[in-house]
Every structure is written in structure tokens, then in C-alpha cells.
Amino acid sequence: MLIVDPKDLHIDNNSSINIVVMNFLSIDCSTDLGTLFLKVKNKTFSKVLQSDKSNNDLLMQKILDFFTENNLNFGEVSAIFVNQGPGNFSGLRSSLSIAKGISLAKNINLFGYNVFLWSCAKFINDKIDIYSLIRFRDKYFIKKFDENLNSKMKAIEVTKEEIVKKFTNKLKVIPKQMTKNFDEKMLKMGNLNIIDLDHNELESLHLKGLLNKDLIKPFYLS
């Protein structure tokens, strides 16, 4: 049975029917183009963090500016979701440190997610195993999840030939942001889904108890 921390939720008393509303900040610095995403009272706000060498050092200021620009404050947020990777090491290290600092300073619950799980969010409860594919540092990695998006194996390195031969008929996902790393033959495989990574779907993953709450650290690939 799923147990949800009451701090993560509040009731919308302005509605004739009480609706559970979750307010959260999501931080994704796994790539050169990072993103900040806020959901407060069913309104969403997003900001792209342009790639530059000072981006990591200024991340906390960018987060503060993001709240100010949208007339919001940390008191309106009940959870922070932070991308654990895989991805840019310095970006992940910086964003995880800052997320932990905000969590401690503001007493906000912190949860971690990873790109493999995130890319599969649309397929939860589809009653079939699903394989998430990414290419990182010129290597291909695959990770298997069951129909409830519980991990079935660690992320393993595979060759392009193995993917085409062994996984052609499997349900597969590739994040849209990574399609430039895959050649045309791979993108034409059967049962392949190109997925837009949507911060809104992190809420569903959290409510299903699929996000990490303990030992939140970068997702390393060998």
C-alpha cells in the first residue's frame, strides 16, 4: 500500500470537491541545457538554463530568480524533485548539492529521479515490460522495467548491433532529447517510442512511490 507523506500534499478548499494538489520544484541539470520546473496550485512554470561555464556556480541564484519572476516562495513548495542522471557530472553534482541544501534549510522533502525511469513514465500500468535506451559518452545503455515501472535490472551497456538484434520486438523508449545520438536504423526499430520528458509526470511517479528518498546521489554509468 502506498503511503504518501502529508507534507507533500494539500487540499484545495476552494473547490466544492476536495482535490489533492501537489506543489513541487523539479531541477534537471543532467544536460548542457538544464531546466527548472515549478508546479504550484495546478499552475506550472518552467525555465531553461542556458549552457555556460558559470551555470553551475550560479544555479542557486537562478533558482531564486525563478521564484521571484513568478511571485512564488519556497513556503509554497512541499517537495523537490532532482534529476540524478545519468548525465553531465558537474551539473548533477551541483544540482544535487543545492537541492539537498534547500531541502534542509526549508524543511522540504527531497526526492530523486533518473532519466531511465522518467522516460518510461507514460507507460506505467501498461501490463508489459519496457526497456529504456540512452546513449551516453558514445556508449549505449539499456534498463528494463516491469509494467509498474519497478526496476528489473541494472542499466547495462549494449552495442548497437545487440539492440537491433535482441530488442527489436520489445517495447522501447528513447528520450526525444537524445534522438540525435541514435542513427536512422535504430530510430526505425519496431515498438520504439520517442518520448518528451515531462516534469508533470514526476508527480505520478512520486505518488506511486517510485522516486528515491534515501541516499540521493548521481546515477553513474561505467
Protein backbone atom coordinates (compact mmCIF):
# COMPACT_ATOMS: atom_id res chain seq x y z
CA MET A 1 0.00 0.00 0.00
CA LEU A 2 1.33 3.43 -0.94
CA ILE A 3 1.82 5.82 1.96
CA VAL A 4 2.06 9.50 0.98
CA ASP A 5 3.65 11.97 3.38
CA PRO A 6 1.00 14.60 4.24
CA LYS A 7 3.65 17.30 3.83
CA ASP A 8 3.71 16.51 0.12
CA LEU A 9 0.03 17.29 -0.35
CA HIS A 10 -2.61 19.85 0.48
CA ILE A 11 -6.33 20.08 -0.04
CA ASP A 12 -7.84 22.69 -2.34
CA ASN A 13 -10.59 24.05 -0.08
CA ASN A 14 -11.75 26.49 -2.76
CA SER A 15 -13.29 23.64 -4.70
CA SER A 16 -16.73 22.20 -3.99
CA ILE A 17 -14.97 18.84 -4.19
CA ASN A 18 -11.74 18.50 -2.23
CA ILE A 19 -8.89 17.90 -4.65
CA VAL A 20 -5.42 16.77 -3.64
CA VAL A 21 -2.89 19.24 -5.03
CA MET A 22 0.86 18.71 -5.02
CA ASN A 23 3.27 21.64 -5.21
CA PHE A 24 6.83 20.85 -6.25
CA LEU A 25 10.06 22.15 -7.74
CA SER A 26 11.92 19.96 -10.25
CA ILE A 27 15.59 20.55 -11.05
CA ASP A 28 17.19 18.89 -14.08
CA CYS A 29 20.84 19.70 -14.79
CA SER A 30 21.72 16.41 -16.45
CA THR A 31 22.46 18.06 -19.81
CA ASP A 32 24.03 21.29 -21.02
CA LEU A 33 20.54 22.76 -21.29
CA GLY A 34 19.09 22.34 -17.82
CA THR A 35 15.52 23.06 -16.75
CA LEU A 36 13.68 24.31 -13.70
CA PHE A 37 10.01 23.43 -13.32
CA LEU A 38 7.51 24.57 -10.69
CA LYS A 39 4.01 23.35 -10.06
CA VAL A 40 2.02 25.38 -7.53
CA LYS A 41 -1.75 25.08 -7.11
CA ASN A 42 -2.05 23.39 -10.50
CA LYS A 43 -0.22 26.21 -12.26
CA THR A 44 3.11 25.36 -13.88
CA PHE A 45 6.18 27.46 -14.57
CA SER A 46 9.35 26.46 -16.40
CA LYS A 47 12.74 27.93 -17.22
CA VAL A 48 15.53 26.71 -19.49
CA LEU A 49 19.03 27.11 -18.07
CA GLN A 50 21.25 28.08 -20.98
CA SER A 51 24.61 26.37 -21.23
CA ASP A 52 27.54 28.44 -19.94
CA LYS A 53 30.53 27.86 -17.72
CA SER A 54 29.07 29.84 -14.82
CA ASN A 55 25.75 27.99 -14.87
CA ASN A 56 26.59 25.57 -12.04
CA ASP A 57 28.08 28.26 -9.79
CA LEU A 58 25.02 30.47 -10.28
CA LEU A 59 22.38 27.74 -10.05
CA MET A 60 21.12 28.79 -6.62
CA GLN A 61 20.74 32.38 -7.79
CA LYS A 62 18.92 31.19 -10.91
CA ILE A 63 16.50 29.22 -8.72
CA LEU A 64 15.88 32.26 -6.51
CA ASP A 65 15.32 34.43 -9.58
CA PHE A 66 12.92 31.82 -10.95
CA PHE A 67 10.76 32.05 -7.83
CA THR A 68 10.90 35.84 -7.82
CA GLU A 69 9.95 36.10 -11.51
CA ASN A 70 6.82 34.08 -10.80
CA ASN A 71 5.95 35.75 -7.47
CA LEU A 72 6.38 32.50 -5.57
CA ASN A 73 8.32 31.42 -2.49
CA PHE A 74 9.70 28.19 -1.06
CA GLY A 75 6.90 28.09 1.51
CA GLU A 76 4.53 27.17 -1.31
CA VAL A 77 6.55 24.08 -2.27
CA SER A 78 6.13 20.75 -0.48
CA ALA A 79 8.64 18.66 -2.45
CA ILE A 80 11.78 18.99 -4.53
CA PHE A 81 12.50 16.51 -7.33
CA VAL A 82 16.06 16.41 -8.65
CA ASN A 83 17.44 14.52 -11.65
CA GLN A 84 20.15 12.07 -10.59
CA GLY A 85 21.27 11.38 -14.16
CA PRO A 86 22.89 9.85 -15.99
CA GLY A 87 24.37 12.99 -17.47
CA ASN A 88 26.77 15.86 -17.02
CA PHE A 89 28.70 15.09 -13.82
CA SER A 90 29.35 18.67 -12.71
CA GLY A 91 25.75 19.64 -13.38
CA LEU A 92 24.40 16.67 -11.43
CA ARG A 93 26.78 17.22 -8.51
CA SER A 94 25.90 20.90 -8.30
CA SER A 95 22.14 20.43 -8.61
CA LEU A 96 22.03 17.59 -6.07
CA SER A 97 24.03 19.65 -3.57
CA ILE A 98 21.80 22.66 -3.98
CA ALA A 99 18.61 20.59 -3.82
CA LYS A 100 19.80 19.00 -0.58
CA GLY A 101 20.69 22.40 0.82
CA ILE A 102 17.25 23.83 0.05
CA SER A 103 15.60 20.71 1.46
CA LEU A 104 17.45 21.05 4.77
CA ALA A 105 17.16 24.83 5.06
CA LYS A 106 13.45 24.98 4.19
CA ASN A 107 12.36 21.59 5.57
CA ILE A 108 11.10 20.44 2.17
CA ASN A 109 11.00 16.77 1.24
CA LEU A 110 13.59 15.80 -1.39
CA PHE A 111 13.23 13.02 -3.98
CA GLY A 112 15.49 11.83 -6.77
CA TYR A 113 14.63 10.53 -10.22
CA ASN A 114 16.65 9.29 -13.19
CA VAL A 115 16.34 9.59 -16.96
CA PHE A 116 15.66 5.86 -17.47
CA LEU A 117 12.63 5.88 -15.18
CA TRP A 118 11.45 9.32 -16.30
CA SER A 119 11.35 8.29 -19.95
CA CYS A 120 9.06 5.36 -19.09
CA ALA A 121 6.52 7.38 -17.07
CA LYS A 122 3.85 7.39 -19.81
CA PHE A 123 3.75 3.60 -19.83
CA ILE A 124 3.03 2.86 -16.19
CA ASN A 125 0.41 0.09 -15.80
CA ASP A 126 0.65 -0.87 -19.48
CA LYS A 127 0.92 -4.54 -18.50
CA ILE A 128 4.14 -5.13 -20.38
CA ASP A 129 7.86 -4.88 -19.68
CA ILE A 130 9.54 -1.79 -21.07
CA TYR A 131 13.13 -1.01 -21.98
CA SER A 132 14.63 2.46 -21.67
CA LEU A 133 17.52 3.27 -24.03
CA ILE A 134 20.02 6.10 -23.81
CA ARG A 135 23.35 6.90 -25.38
CA PHE A 136 25.94 8.42 -23.05
CA ARG A 137 29.56 9.21 -23.91
CA ASP A 138 29.33 7.24 -27.16
CA LYS A 139 28.02 4.15 -25.37
CA TYR A 140 24.53 2.64 -25.42
CA PHE A 141 22.80 1.64 -22.20
CA ILE A 142 19.52 -0.16 -21.59
CA LYS A 143 17.45 -0.62 -18.45
CA LYS A 144 14.39 -2.84 -18.02
CA PHE A 145 11.25 -2.04 -16.01
CA ASP A 146 8.12 -4.07 -15.34
CA GLU A 147 4.58 -2.85 -16.02
CA ASN A 148 4.56 -0.98 -12.68
CA LEU A 149 7.90 0.65 -13.55
CA ASN A 150 9.77 -1.28 -10.90
CA SER A 151 13.37 -1.85 -11.97
CA LYS A 152 14.01 -5.34 -13.32
CA MET A 153 17.75 -4.98 -13.85
CA LYS A 154 20.63 -2.55 -13.55
CA ALA A 155 21.44 -0.37 -16.53
CA ILE A 156 23.77 -2.38 -18.76
CA GLU A 157 25.96 -1.39 -21.68
CA VAL A 158 24.94 -2.86 -25.05
CA THR A 159 26.15 -2.46 -28.59
CA LYS A 160 24.07 -1.03 -31.42
CA GLU A 161 24.03 -4.48 -33.02
CA GLU A 162 22.72 -6.11 -29.82
CA ILE A 163 19.94 -3.54 -29.55
CA VAL A 164 18.76 -4.10 -33.10
CA LYS A 165 19.04 -7.90 -32.83
CA LYS A 166 17.80 -8.63 -29.30
CA PHE A 167 15.36 -5.83 -28.56
CA THR A 168 13.64 -5.12 -31.88
CA ASN A 169 10.32 -6.61 -30.74
CA LYS A 170 10.48 -5.25 -27.19
CA LEU A 171 8.64 -2.11 -26.08
CA LYS A 172 11.38 0.54 -26.06
CA VAL A 173 11.64 4.25 -25.25
CA ILE A 174 14.22 6.87 -26.13
CA PRO A 175 14.05 10.43 -24.75
CA LYS A 176 13.38 12.83 -27.60
CA GLN A 177 16.29 14.98 -26.44
CA MET A 178 18.65 12.08 -27.17
CA THR A 179 17.45 11.03 -30.63
CA LYS A 180 20.32 12.93 -32.26
CA ASN A 181 22.63 10.34 -30.67
CA PHE A 182 20.92 7.41 -32.43
CA ASP A 183 21.30 6.57 -36.11
CA GLU A 184 18.40 6.26 -38.54
CA LYS A 185 18.32 2.45 -38.47
CA MET A 186 17.86 2.39 -34.72
CA LEU A 187 15.16 5.06 -34.80
CA LYS A 188 13.18 2.89 -37.24
CA MET A 189 13.08 -0.15 -34.94
CA GLY A 190 9.69 -1.66 -34.21
CA ASN A 191 7.94 -0.88 -30.92
CA LEU A 192 10.13 2.20 -30.40
CA ASN A 193 8.62 5.26 -28.75
CA ILE A 194 10.27 8.70 -28.81
CA ILE A 195 9.37 10.38 -25.53
CA ASP A 196 9.22 14.01 -24.47
CA LEU A 197 10.46 14.20 -20.89
CA ASP A 198 7.63 15.89 -18.99
CA HIS A 199 8.20 17.21 -15.46
CA ASN A 200 4.46 16.89 -14.74
CA GLU A 201 4.81 13.11 -14.88
CA LEU A 202 7.21 13.13 -11.95
CA GLU A 203 4.22 13.72 -9.70
CA SER A 204 2.66 10.42 -10.76
CA LEU A 205 5.97 8.60 -10.26
CA HIS A 206 6.22 10.08 -6.78
CA LEU A 207 2.66 9.15 -5.81
CA LYS A 208 3.42 5.59 -6.94
CA GLY A 209 6.40 5.55 -4.59
CA LEU A 210 8.92 5.19 -7.45
CA LEU A 211 11.21 8.14 -6.68
CA ASN A 212 14.26 7.83 -4.44
CA LYS A 213 14.05 9.37 -0.99
CA ASP A 214 17.18 7.97 0.63
CA LEU A 215 20.82 8.11 -0.48
CA ILE A 216 20.14 10.52 -3.34
CA LYS A 217 23.35 10.57 -5.37
CA PRO A 218 24.31 10.83 -9.07
CA PHE A 219 23.31 7.90 -11.29
CA TYR A 220 26.69 6.64 -12.51
CA LEU A 221 27.31 4.59 -15.63
CA SER A 222 30.57 2.76 -16.24
